[in-house]
Amino acid sequence: MSEHINIITQQIESKFNDIENNIFSGTIFSQWRGSFEVKKVYLKKENADIKCDLDIRLKNWPEGIFVKVYKHKALAVLPYVKDQQVCEEYLSTEATPCKFWKDAFYFSNMTDLDQDRYVLLEGNNMSDEDTDICLSKLKTHIEEINTILANR
C-alpha cells in the first residue's frame, strides 16, 4: 500500500474507533451503557477502497436488528435487519430492501433512507464533524428502533 493510502486508512480507522469509544463510554449513549453489542470489520485493500463496518445493536432487541455505520466508498448509517418477516411483524410500512446491501431490509418507518443514510458520498475525507453526524444518526436510529419495539 502506498504511504498516502496508509495515512487515509489510519485516519478512517481512528474515526471509527472514536465512534466505537463513544458507543461504549460517551455521554450521548449513556442511557444504554452496558447494553451494546458491536461487530467490527475493517478490510484493507491495496487501493483507496477502505472498508469499515460497525454493526451495532442493543442486547434486548430481537435477533438480527442492527444499525450499521459504514465507510465503503460512501460513509453512511442505516438501521437494518436481514429477516423480512421481522419487518412485517414490527413496522407500519412495507419492508424496503436496503439499496446496495444484499438480503437486508431497512428496519425503520422513515422514508427515503436510500439517500438519507449518507453522511458523505465519498468517505475518504471523513472529518470530526462527519463522525459527529454518524453518532447523531446512530442515536436517532436507536431511539426509533426502541420506539418501534415498544409500540408493537
N, C-alpha and C. Protein backbone atom coordinates (compact mmCIF):
# COMPACT_ATOMS: atom_id res chain seq x y z
N MET A 1 0.85 -1.19 0.00
CA MET A 1 0.00 0.00 0.00
C MET A 1 0.89 1.24 0.00
N SER A 2 0.45 2.24 -0.71
CA SER A 2 1.23 3.47 -0.73
C SER A 2 1.11 4.17 0.63
N GLU A 3 2.06 5.04 0.90
CA GLU A 3 2.05 5.76 2.17
C GLU A 3 0.80 6.62 2.30
N HIS A 4 0.35 7.23 1.20
CA HIS A 4 -0.86 8.07 1.20
C HIS A 4 -2.08 7.25 1.62
N ILE A 5 -2.22 6.06 1.04
CA ILE A 5 -3.36 5.19 1.39
C ILE A 5 -3.25 4.75 2.85
N ASN A 6 -2.05 4.46 3.31
CA ASN A 6 -1.86 4.09 4.72
C ASN A 6 -2.33 5.19 5.66
N ILE A 7 -2.02 6.42 5.34
CA ILE A 7 -2.42 7.56 6.18
C ILE A 7 -3.94 7.70 6.19
N ILE A 8 -4.55 7.63 5.01
CA ILE A 8 -6.01 7.72 4.92
C ILE A 8 -6.67 6.59 5.71
N THR A 9 -6.15 5.38 5.54
CA THR A 9 -6.68 4.22 6.25
C THR A 9 -6.60 4.42 7.76
N GLN A 10 -5.46 4.88 8.25
CA GLN A 10 -5.29 5.12 9.69
C GLN A 10 -6.25 6.19 10.19
N GLN A 11 -6.46 7.25 9.39
CA GLN A 11 -7.37 8.31 9.80
C GLN A 11 -8.80 7.79 9.90
N ILE A 12 -9.23 7.02 8.92
CA ILE A 12 -10.60 6.49 8.93
C ILE A 12 -10.78 5.50 10.07
N GLU A 13 -9.81 4.61 10.25
CA GLU A 13 -9.90 3.66 11.36
C GLU A 13 -9.94 4.39 12.70
N SER A 14 -9.20 5.48 12.82
CA SER A 14 -9.22 6.27 14.04
C SER A 14 -10.60 6.88 14.27
N LYS A 15 -11.24 7.38 13.22
CA LYS A 15 -12.59 7.94 13.34
C LYS A 15 -13.59 6.85 13.74
N PHE A 16 -13.45 5.66 13.18
CA PHE A 16 -14.35 4.57 13.55
C PHE A 16 -14.09 4.10 14.98
N ASN A 17 -12.83 4.14 15.41
CA ASN A 17 -12.53 3.83 16.81
C ASN A 17 -13.17 4.87 17.74
N ASP A 18 -13.18 6.14 17.30
CA ASP A 18 -13.85 7.20 18.08
C ASP A 18 -15.34 6.90 18.20
N ILE A 19 -15.96 6.48 17.09
CA ILE A 19 -17.39 6.14 17.12
C ILE A 19 -17.62 5.00 18.11
N GLU A 20 -16.80 3.96 18.02
CA GLU A 20 -16.95 2.82 18.92
C GLU A 20 -16.74 3.24 20.39
N ASN A 21 -15.74 4.06 20.65
CA ASN A 21 -15.49 4.52 22.02
C ASN A 21 -16.67 5.33 22.55
N ASN A 22 -17.28 6.15 21.68
CA ASN A 22 -18.46 6.92 22.09
C ASN A 22 -19.63 6.01 22.43
N ILE A 23 -19.78 4.94 21.66
CA ILE A 23 -20.87 3.99 21.92
C ILE A 23 -20.74 3.41 23.33
N PHE A 24 -19.52 3.03 23.69
CA PHE A 24 -19.33 2.36 24.97
C PHE A 24 -19.12 3.31 26.15
N SER A 25 -18.63 4.54 25.90
CA SER A 25 -18.33 5.39 27.05
C SER A 25 -18.70 6.86 26.87
N GLY A 26 -19.27 7.25 25.73
CA GLY A 26 -19.64 8.64 25.52
C GLY A 26 -20.96 8.98 26.20
N THR A 27 -21.14 10.26 26.49
CA THR A 27 -22.36 10.69 27.18
C THR A 27 -23.59 10.57 26.28
N ILE A 28 -23.43 10.68 24.97
CA ILE A 28 -24.57 10.63 24.05
C ILE A 28 -25.33 9.29 24.15
N PHE A 29 -24.62 8.23 24.54
CA PHE A 29 -25.24 6.90 24.64
C PHE A 29 -25.29 6.37 26.07
N SER A 30 -25.12 7.26 27.04
CA SER A 30 -25.01 6.81 28.44
C SER A 30 -26.26 6.08 28.94
N GLN A 31 -27.44 6.42 28.41
CA GLN A 31 -28.66 5.75 28.88
C GLN A 31 -28.70 4.26 28.52
N TRP A 32 -27.86 3.85 27.55
CA TRP A 32 -27.81 2.44 27.15
C TRP A 32 -26.50 1.77 27.54
N ARG A 33 -25.74 2.42 28.42
CA ARG A 33 -24.44 1.90 28.82
C ARG A 33 -24.55 0.45 29.28
N GLY A 34 -23.68 -0.39 28.78
CA GLY A 34 -23.68 -1.80 29.15
C GLY A 34 -24.64 -2.66 28.34
N SER A 35 -25.38 -2.04 27.42
CA SER A 35 -26.39 -2.78 26.66
C SER A 35 -26.01 -3.02 25.20
N PHE A 36 -24.84 -2.56 24.79
CA PHE A 36 -24.47 -2.64 23.38
C PHE A 36 -23.73 -3.92 23.00
N GLU A 37 -23.99 -4.36 21.78
CA GLU A 37 -23.17 -5.36 21.10
C GLU A 37 -22.66 -4.68 19.83
N VAL A 38 -21.39 -4.80 19.56
CA VAL A 38 -20.81 -4.19 18.36
C VAL A 38 -19.95 -5.22 17.64
N LYS A 39 -20.25 -5.38 16.34
CA LYS A 39 -19.40 -6.21 15.48
C LYS A 39 -18.63 -5.25 14.59
N LYS A 40 -17.31 -5.42 14.58
CA LYS A 40 -16.45 -4.50 13.85
C LYS A 40 -15.70 -5.27 12.77
N VAL A 41 -15.73 -4.73 11.54
CA VAL A 41 -14.97 -5.32 10.44
C VAL A 41 -14.26 -4.20 9.70
N TYR A 42 -12.95 -4.31 9.61
CA TYR A 42 -12.14 -3.39 8.81
C TYR A 42 -11.44 -4.21 7.74
N LEU A 43 -11.63 -3.85 6.48
CA LEU A 43 -10.97 -4.52 5.37
C LEU A 43 -9.98 -3.56 4.73
N LYS A 44 -8.74 -4.00 4.61
CA LYS A 44 -7.72 -3.19 3.97
C LYS A 44 -7.42 -3.78 2.61
N LYS A 45 -7.37 -2.89 1.63
CA LYS A 45 -7.07 -3.31 0.27
C LYS A 45 -5.88 -2.51 -0.24
N GLU A 46 -5.42 -2.87 -1.41
CA GLU A 46 -4.26 -2.21 -1.99
C GLU A 46 -4.59 -0.88 -2.65
N ASN A 47 -5.87 -0.50 -2.65
CA ASN A 47 -6.25 0.77 -3.25
C ASN A 47 -6.98 1.62 -2.22
N ALA A 48 -7.61 2.67 -2.66
CA ALA A 48 -8.26 3.60 -1.74
C ALA A 48 -9.64 3.13 -1.29
N ASP A 49 -10.02 1.90 -1.64
CA ASP A 49 -11.33 1.37 -1.25
C ASP A 49 -11.26 0.80 0.16
N ILE A 50 -11.21 1.69 1.14
CA ILE A 50 -11.11 1.31 2.54
C ILE A 50 -12.51 0.99 3.05
N LYS A 51 -12.65 -0.15 3.73
CA LYS A 51 -13.98 -0.57 4.19
C LYS A 51 -13.96 -0.78 5.69
N CYS A 52 -14.84 -0.04 6.35
CA CYS A 52 -15.02 -0.19 7.80
C CYS A 52 -16.51 -0.35 8.07
N ASP A 53 -16.86 -1.31 8.89
CA ASP A 53 -18.25 -1.55 9.27
C ASP A 53 -18.34 -1.71 10.77
N LEU A 54 -19.32 -1.04 11.35
CA LEU A 54 -19.71 -1.28 12.73
C LEU A 54 -21.18 -1.67 12.71
N ASP A 55 -21.49 -2.88 13.13
CA ASP A 55 -22.88 -3.34 13.26
C ASP A 55 -23.21 -3.27 14.74
N ILE A 56 -24.15 -2.38 15.07
CA ILE A 56 -24.42 -2.02 16.45
C ILE A 56 -25.86 -2.39 16.81
N ARG A 57 -26.02 -2.96 17.99
CA ARG A 57 -27.37 -3.31 18.45
C ARG A 57 -27.41 -3.26 19.97
N LEU A 58 -28.62 -3.12 20.48
CA LEU A 58 -28.82 -3.27 21.92
C LEU A 58 -29.16 -4.74 22.18
N LYS A 59 -28.67 -5.26 23.26
CA LYS A 59 -28.83 -6.69 23.57
C LYS A 59 -30.29 -7.11 23.71
N ASN A 60 -31.17 -6.17 24.06
CA ASN A 60 -32.58 -6.53 24.26
C ASN A 60 -33.39 -6.51 22.97
N TRP A 61 -32.80 -6.10 21.86
CA TRP A 61 -33.51 -6.10 20.59
C TRP A 61 -33.68 -7.52 20.07
N PRO A 62 -34.75 -7.76 19.29
CA PRO A 62 -34.87 -9.08 18.66
C PRO A 62 -33.64 -9.38 17.80
N GLU A 63 -33.31 -10.64 17.72
CA GLU A 63 -32.12 -11.08 16.98
C GLU A 63 -32.13 -10.54 15.56
N GLY A 64 -31.00 -10.03 15.13
CA GLY A 64 -30.83 -9.62 13.74
C GLY A 64 -31.06 -8.16 13.44
N ILE A 65 -31.57 -7.39 14.40
CA ILE A 65 -31.77 -5.96 14.19
C ILE A 65 -30.48 -5.23 14.56
N PHE A 66 -30.00 -4.41 13.62
CA PHE A 66 -28.75 -3.67 13.81
C PHE A 66 -28.88 -2.26 13.25
N VAL A 67 -27.97 -1.40 13.68
CA VAL A 67 -27.71 -0.15 12.99
C VAL A 67 -26.28 -0.27 12.48
N LYS A 68 -26.10 -0.10 11.19
CA LYS A 68 -24.78 -0.21 10.57
C LYS A 68 -24.23 1.19 10.34
N VAL A 69 -23.02 1.43 10.84
CA VAL A 69 -22.24 2.62 10.47
C VAL A 69 -21.14 2.07 9.58
N TYR A 70 -21.08 2.58 8.35
CA TYR A 70 -20.10 2.01 7.43
C TYR A 70 -19.43 3.07 6.58
N LYS A 71 -18.23 2.74 6.18
CA LYS A 71 -17.49 3.51 5.20
C LYS A 71 -16.97 2.49 4.19
N HIS A 72 -17.57 2.50 3.05
CA HIS A 72 -17.04 1.72 1.91
C HIS A 72 -16.58 2.80 0.95
N LYS A 73 -17.28 3.02 -0.13
CA LYS A 73 -16.99 4.21 -0.92
C LYS A 73 -17.59 5.41 -0.19
N ALA A 74 -18.85 5.27 0.22
CA ALA A 74 -19.56 6.32 0.95
C ALA A 74 -19.44 6.07 2.45
N LEU A 75 -19.80 7.09 3.21
CA LEU A 75 -19.92 7.00 4.66
C LEU A 75 -21.40 7.14 4.98
N ALA A 76 -21.96 6.18 5.72
CA ALA A 76 -23.40 6.20 5.93
C ALA A 76 -23.78 5.44 7.20
N VAL A 77 -25.05 5.63 7.60
CA VAL A 77 -25.62 4.98 8.78
C VAL A 77 -27.01 4.48 8.40
N LEU A 78 -27.28 3.20 8.67
CA LEU A 78 -28.61 2.67 8.34
C LEU A 78 -29.05 1.60 9.33
N PRO A 79 -30.36 1.61 9.66
CA PRO A 79 -30.92 0.56 10.51
C PRO A 79 -31.36 -0.59 9.61
N TYR A 80 -31.02 -1.82 9.98
CA TYR A 80 -31.38 -2.92 9.08
C TYR A 80 -31.63 -4.22 9.83
N VAL A 81 -32.26 -5.12 9.09
CA VAL A 81 -32.48 -6.48 9.55
C VAL A 81 -32.40 -7.37 8.30
N LYS A 82 -31.95 -8.58 8.45
CA LYS A 82 -31.85 -9.49 7.30
C LYS A 82 -33.14 -10.28 7.08
N ASP A 83 -34.01 -10.32 8.08
CA ASP A 83 -35.22 -11.13 8.02
C ASP A 83 -36.44 -10.25 7.69
N GLN A 84 -36.97 -10.40 6.49
CA GLN A 84 -38.11 -9.61 6.05
C GLN A 84 -39.31 -9.80 6.99
N GLN A 85 -39.44 -10.99 7.55
CA GLN A 85 -40.53 -11.29 8.48
C GLN A 85 -40.51 -10.37 9.70
N VAL A 86 -39.33 -10.02 10.17
CA VAL A 86 -39.20 -9.12 11.32
C VAL A 86 -39.76 -7.74 10.96
N CYS A 87 -39.49 -7.28 9.74
CA CYS A 87 -40.05 -6.00 9.29
C CYS A 87 -41.57 -6.06 9.29
N GLU A 88 -42.10 -7.14 8.75
CA GLU A 88 -43.56 -7.28 8.66
C GLU A 88 -44.20 -7.35 10.05
N GLU A 89 -43.48 -7.92 10.99
CA GLU A 89 -44.01 -8.07 12.35
C GLU A 89 -44.03 -6.74 13.11
N TYR A 90 -43.04 -5.88 12.88
CA TYR A 90 -42.87 -4.68 13.70
C TYR A 90 -43.18 -3.36 13.01
N LEU A 91 -42.96 -3.27 11.71
CA LEU A 91 -43.05 -1.97 11.03
C LEU A 91 -44.45 -1.68 10.53
N SER A 92 -44.77 -0.42 10.44
CA SER A 92 -46.08 0.00 9.92
C SER A 92 -46.03 0.20 8.40
N THR A 93 -44.85 0.03 7.81
CA THR A 93 -44.68 0.17 6.37
C THR A 93 -44.23 -1.16 5.79
N GLU A 94 -44.32 -1.28 4.50
CA GLU A 94 -43.86 -2.49 3.82
C GLU A 94 -42.34 -2.59 3.92
N ALA A 95 -41.81 -3.80 4.02
CA ALA A 95 -40.37 -4.00 4.09
C ALA A 95 -39.70 -3.41 2.85
N THR A 96 -38.69 -2.58 3.06
CA THR A 96 -37.96 -1.93 1.97
C THR A 96 -36.55 -2.47 1.92
N PRO A 97 -36.15 -3.08 0.80
CA PRO A 97 -34.77 -3.57 0.68
C PRO A 97 -33.77 -2.43 0.79
N CYS A 98 -32.66 -2.68 1.48
CA CYS A 98 -31.58 -1.70 1.57
C CYS A 98 -30.84 -1.67 0.25
N LYS A 99 -30.77 -0.50 -0.34
CA LYS A 99 -30.05 -0.34 -1.60
C LYS A 99 -28.57 -0.68 -1.38
N PHE A 100 -28.04 -1.51 -2.22
CA PHE A 100 -26.63 -1.96 -2.22
C PHE A 100 -26.30 -2.96 -1.11
N TRP A 101 -27.26 -3.38 -0.27
CA TRP A 101 -26.99 -4.36 0.78
C TRP A 101 -27.87 -5.58 0.52
N LYS A 102 -27.26 -6.60 -0.03
CA LYS A 102 -27.96 -7.81 -0.42
C LYS A 102 -28.66 -8.45 0.79
N ASP A 103 -29.92 -8.82 0.59
CA ASP A 103 -30.72 -9.53 1.60
C ASP A 103 -30.91 -8.76 2.90
N ALA A 104 -30.86 -7.43 2.85
CA ALA A 104 -31.09 -6.62 4.04
C ALA A 104 -32.27 -5.68 3.78
N PHE A 105 -33.00 -5.38 4.85
CA PHE A 105 -34.16 -4.50 4.78
C PHE A 105 -34.01 -3.40 5.82
N TYR A 106 -34.46 -2.20 5.47
CA TYR A 106 -34.42 -1.11 6.45
C TYR A 106 -35.36 -1.44 7.60
N PHE A 107 -34.86 -1.34 8.82
CA PHE A 107 -35.72 -1.52 9.98
C PHE A 107 -36.05 -0.12 10.51
N SER A 108 -36.98 0.52 9.82
CA SER A 108 -37.33 1.90 10.12
C SER A 108 -38.65 2.22 9.44
N ASN A 109 -39.38 3.17 10.03
CA ASN A 109 -40.57 3.70 9.38
C ASN A 109 -40.24 4.99 8.61
N MET A 110 -38.97 5.39 8.63
CA MET A 110 -38.54 6.57 7.87
C MET A 110 -38.58 6.23 6.38
N THR A 111 -38.80 7.25 5.58
CA THR A 111 -38.79 7.05 4.14
C THR A 111 -37.51 7.64 3.55
N ASP A 112 -37.16 7.21 2.37
CA ASP A 112 -36.01 7.71 1.61
C ASP A 112 -34.67 7.46 2.29
N LEU A 113 -34.54 6.35 3.00
CA LEU A 113 -33.24 6.04 3.61
C LEU A 113 -32.18 5.70 2.57
N ASP A 114 -32.61 5.39 1.34
CA ASP A 114 -31.60 5.19 0.30
C ASP A 114 -30.71 6.42 0.18
N GLN A 115 -31.25 7.61 0.38
CA GLN A 115 -30.48 8.85 0.33
C GLN A 115 -30.15 9.38 1.73
N ASP A 116 -31.10 9.33 2.64
CA ASP A 116 -30.92 9.95 3.95
C ASP A 116 -29.88 9.25 4.83
N ARG A 117 -29.48 8.06 4.48
CA ARG A 117 -28.48 7.35 5.29
C ARG A 117 -27.08 7.95 5.12
N TYR A 118 -26.84 8.65 4.02
CA TYR A 118 -25.48 9.11 3.70
C TYR A 118 -25.03 10.30 4.55
N VAL A 119 -23.78 10.22 4.97
CA VAL A 119 -23.09 11.33 5.60
C VAL A 119 -22.15 11.95 4.55
N LEU A 120 -21.44 11.11 3.83
CA LEU A 120 -20.55 11.52 2.73
C LEU A 120 -20.69 10.53 1.59
N LEU A 121 -20.80 11.02 0.38
CA LEU A 121 -20.83 10.10 -0.76
C LEU A 121 -19.44 9.59 -1.09
N GLU A 122 -18.41 10.34 -0.74
CA GLU A 122 -17.02 9.89 -0.86
C GLU A 122 -16.41 9.97 0.52
N GLY A 123 -16.30 8.83 1.17
CA GLY A 123 -15.98 8.79 2.60
C GLY A 123 -14.53 8.90 2.99
N ASN A 124 -13.60 8.99 2.04
CA ASN A 124 -12.19 9.02 2.42
C ASN A 124 -11.77 10.32 3.10
N ASN A 125 -12.59 11.36 3.01
CA ASN A 125 -12.26 12.63 3.65
C ASN A 125 -13.07 12.84 4.92
N MET A 126 -13.22 11.81 5.70
CA MET A 126 -14.03 11.83 6.91
C MET A 126 -13.43 12.78 7.95
N SER A 127 -14.25 13.72 8.43
CA SER A 127 -13.81 14.71 9.41
C SER A 127 -14.42 14.42 10.78
N ASP A 128 -14.01 15.20 11.79
CA ASP A 128 -14.62 15.08 13.11
C ASP A 128 -16.11 15.40 13.04
N GLU A 129 -16.47 16.38 12.22
CA GLU A 129 -17.89 16.74 12.06
C GLU A 129 -18.67 15.56 11.47
N ASP A 130 -18.07 14.85 10.52
CA ASP A 130 -18.73 13.68 9.94
C ASP A 130 -18.92 12.58 10.99
N THR A 131 -17.93 12.42 11.85
CA THR A 131 -18.03 11.46 12.95
C THR A 131 -19.21 11.83 13.85
N ASP A 132 -19.35 13.11 14.17
CA ASP A 132 -20.46 13.58 15.00
C ASP A 132 -21.80 13.33 14.32
N ILE A 133 -21.87 13.52 13.01
CA ILE A 133 -23.11 13.27 12.26
C ILE A 133 -23.46 11.78 12.33
N CYS A 134 -22.45 10.92 12.19
CA CYS A 134 -22.68 9.47 12.31
C CYS A 134 -23.24 9.13 13.69
N LEU A 135 -22.66 9.71 14.72
CA LEU A 135 -23.13 9.45 16.09
C LEU A 135 -24.57 9.93 16.27
N SER A 136 -24.88 11.08 15.73
CA SER A 136 -26.24 11.61 15.83
C SER A 136 -27.24 10.73 15.09
N LYS A 137 -26.88 10.29 13.88
CA LYS A 137 -27.77 9.40 13.11
C LYS A 137 -27.93 8.07 13.85
N LEU A 138 -26.85 7.56 14.41
CA LEU A 138 -26.91 6.31 15.17
C LEU A 138 -27.88 6.45 16.34
N LYS A 139 -27.78 7.53 17.09
CA LYS A 139 -28.68 7.74 18.23
C LYS A 139 -30.13 7.84 17.75
N THR A 140 -30.37 8.56 16.67
CA THR A 140 -31.72 8.70 16.13
C THR A 140 -32.30 7.33 15.78
N HIS A 141 -31.49 6.47 15.13
CA HIS A 141 -31.98 5.15 14.75
C HIS A 141 -32.21 4.25 15.98
N ILE A 142 -31.34 4.34 16.97
CA ILE A 142 -31.53 3.56 18.20
C ILE A 142 -32.84 3.96 18.87
N GLU A 143 -33.08 5.26 18.96
CA GLU A 143 -34.31 5.74 19.59
C GLU A 143 -35.53 5.29 18.79
N GLU A 144 -35.45 5.38 17.45
CA GLU A 144 -36.59 4.95 16.64
C GLU A 144 -36.85 3.45 16.79
N ILE A 145 -35.79 2.66 16.77
CA ILE A 145 -35.96 1.20 16.91
C ILE A 145 -36.59 0.89 18.27
N ASN A 146 -36.13 1.55 19.32
CA ASN A 146 -36.72 1.32 20.65
C ASN A 146 -38.21 1.69 20.65
N THR A 147 -38.57 2.77 19.97
CA THR A 147 -39.98 3.17 19.87
C THR A 147 -40.79 2.14 19.10
N ILE A 148 -40.25 1.69 17.98
CA ILE A 148 -40.93 0.66 17.18
C ILE A 148 -41.19 -0.59 18.02
N LEU A 149 -40.17 -1.02 18.74
CA LEU A 149 -40.30 -2.25 19.55
C LEU A 149 -41.27 -2.05 20.70
N ALA A 150 -41.27 -0.86 21.30
CA ALA A 150 -42.16 -0.58 22.44
C ALA A 150 -43.63 -0.48 22.00
N ASN A 151 -43.85 -0.05 20.77
CA ASN A 151 -45.21 0.16 20.29
C ASN A 151 -45.82 -1.07 19.63
N ARG A 152 -45.12 -2.12 19.60
CA ARG A 152 -45.62 -3.34 18.96
C ARG A 152 -46.80 -3.91 19.69
